[in-house]
Protein backbone atom coordinates (compact mmCIF):
# COMPACT_ATOMS: atom_id res chain seq x y z
CA UNK A 1 9.80 23.66 -19.72
CA UNK A 2 11.21 23.58 -23.24
CA UNK A 3 14.48 22.12 -24.15
CA UNK A 4 15.95 25.65 -24.75
CA UNK A 5 14.96 26.90 -21.28
CA UNK A 6 17.14 24.39 -19.30
CA UNK A 7 20.34 26.01 -17.84
CA UNK A 8 22.86 23.33 -16.98
CA UNK A 9 25.19 25.73 -15.22
CA UNK A 10 22.38 27.00 -12.94
CA UNK A 11 21.33 23.41 -11.91
CA UNK A 12 24.91 22.32 -11.45
CA UNK A 13 25.40 25.24 -9.11
CA UNK A 14 22.24 24.35 -7.16
CA UNK A 15 23.47 20.83 -6.84
CA UNK A 16 26.98 21.92 -5.83
CA UNK A 17 28.43 19.90 -8.72
CA UNK A 18 31.44 21.17 -10.65
CA UNK A 19 31.24 20.41 -14.34
CA UNK A 20 33.81 20.98 -16.98
CA UNK A 21 32.70 22.75 -20.27
CA UNK A 22 32.75 19.38 -22.01
CA UNK A 23 30.57 17.81 -19.35
CA UNK A 24 28.14 20.78 -19.44
CA UNK A 25 27.77 20.44 -23.17
CA UNK A 26 27.28 16.59 -22.99
CA UNK A 27 24.76 16.83 -20.14
CA UNK A 28 22.98 19.69 -21.78
CA UNK A 29 22.50 17.80 -24.97
CA UNK A 30 21.33 14.72 -23.10
CA UNK A 31 18.88 16.61 -21.01
CA UNK A 32 17.62 18.56 -24.14
CA UNK A 33 16.93 15.27 -25.92
CA UNK A 34 15.07 13.98 -22.79
CA UNK A 35 13.00 17.23 -22.64
CA UNK A 36 12.37 16.97 -26.40
CA UNK A 37 11.03 13.43 -25.95
CA UNK A 38 8.76 14.62 -23.11
CA UNK A 39 7.39 17.40 -25.39
CA UNK A 40 6.76 14.71 -28.02
CA UNK A 41 4.90 12.58 -25.47
CA UNK A 42 2.78 15.65 -24.51
CA UNK A 43 1.26 15.42 -28.08
CA UNK A 44 -0.52 12.15 -27.27
CA UNK A 45 -4.23 12.14 -26.55
CA UNK A 46 -4.58 10.40 -23.16
CA UNK A 47 -8.11 11.49 -22.27
CA UNK A 48 -9.55 8.06 -22.16
CA UNK A 49 -6.47 6.40 -20.58
CA UNK A 50 -6.94 5.51 -16.92
CA UNK A 51 -4.06 6.59 -14.69
CA UNK A 52 -2.01 3.77 -13.23
CA UNK A 53 1.00 3.44 -10.99
CA UNK A 54 2.46 0.51 -13.07
CA UNK A 55 2.12 -0.48 -16.73
CA UNK A 56 1.23 -4.06 -15.81
CA UNK A 57 -0.89 -5.05 -12.77
CA UNK A 58 1.17 -6.04 -9.77
CA UNK A 59 0.08 -8.28 -6.90
CA UNK A 60 2.20 -8.32 -3.73
CA UNK A 61 2.74 -11.76 -2.47
CA UNK A 62 2.71 -11.43 1.35
CA UNK A 63 1.98 -13.77 4.13
CA UNK A 64 -1.12 -13.14 6.22
CA UNK A 65 -0.64 -11.43 9.63
CA UNK A 66 -0.75 -14.02 12.33
CA UNK A 67 -0.55 -13.45 16.01
CA UNK A 68 2.45 -15.40 17.48
CA UNK A 69 3.95 -15.45 20.87
CA UNK A 70 6.79 -12.99 21.37
CA UNK A 71 9.87 -13.02 23.60
CA UNK A 72 9.26 -12.82 27.35
CA UNK A 73 11.22 -10.20 29.28
CA UNK A 74 13.89 -12.56 30.50
CA UNK A 75 14.54 -13.97 27.06
CA UNK A 76 14.78 -10.57 25.47
CA UNK A 77 17.31 -9.40 28.06
CA UNK A 78 19.36 -12.59 28.12
CA UNK A 79 22.24 -11.21 26.00
CA UNK A 80 22.02 -7.60 27.16
CA UNK A 81 25.40 -6.35 28.34
CA UNK A 82 23.66 -4.24 31.08
CA UNK A 83 20.22 -4.47 32.51
CA UNK A 84 18.23 -3.20 35.51
CA UNK A 85 14.73 -3.53 36.69
CA UNK A 86 13.75 -5.51 33.54
CA UNK A 87 15.18 -2.82 31.17
CA UNK A 88 18.14 -2.35 28.95
CA UNK A 89 20.74 0.03 30.50
CA UNK A 90 22.43 2.21 27.84
CA UNK A 91 24.83 5.14 28.28
CA UNK A 92 23.28 8.62 28.34
CA UNK A 93 23.51 10.30 24.94
CA UNK A 94 21.92 13.71 25.72
CA UNK A 95 24.31 16.33 26.92
């Protein structure tokens, strides 16, 4: 999509956003400059560049999964406002 093909009024209508003429003009010029920059980036030769998700390598720091004891049924239901037969009792929500 070239910078001249972008229709601010059409997209604002799709997004259900009311824009004043001044806002349309400002937004249109901003989007056109962004689209122009994208067109400039398309001129780069990236045939030998490996696709990446991040510019720098990231390593997640997470703890290892360990099996630990969970709550027993009595402990889980201790603060329940209403319980019956080892289960939480909640109001019916389906009509």
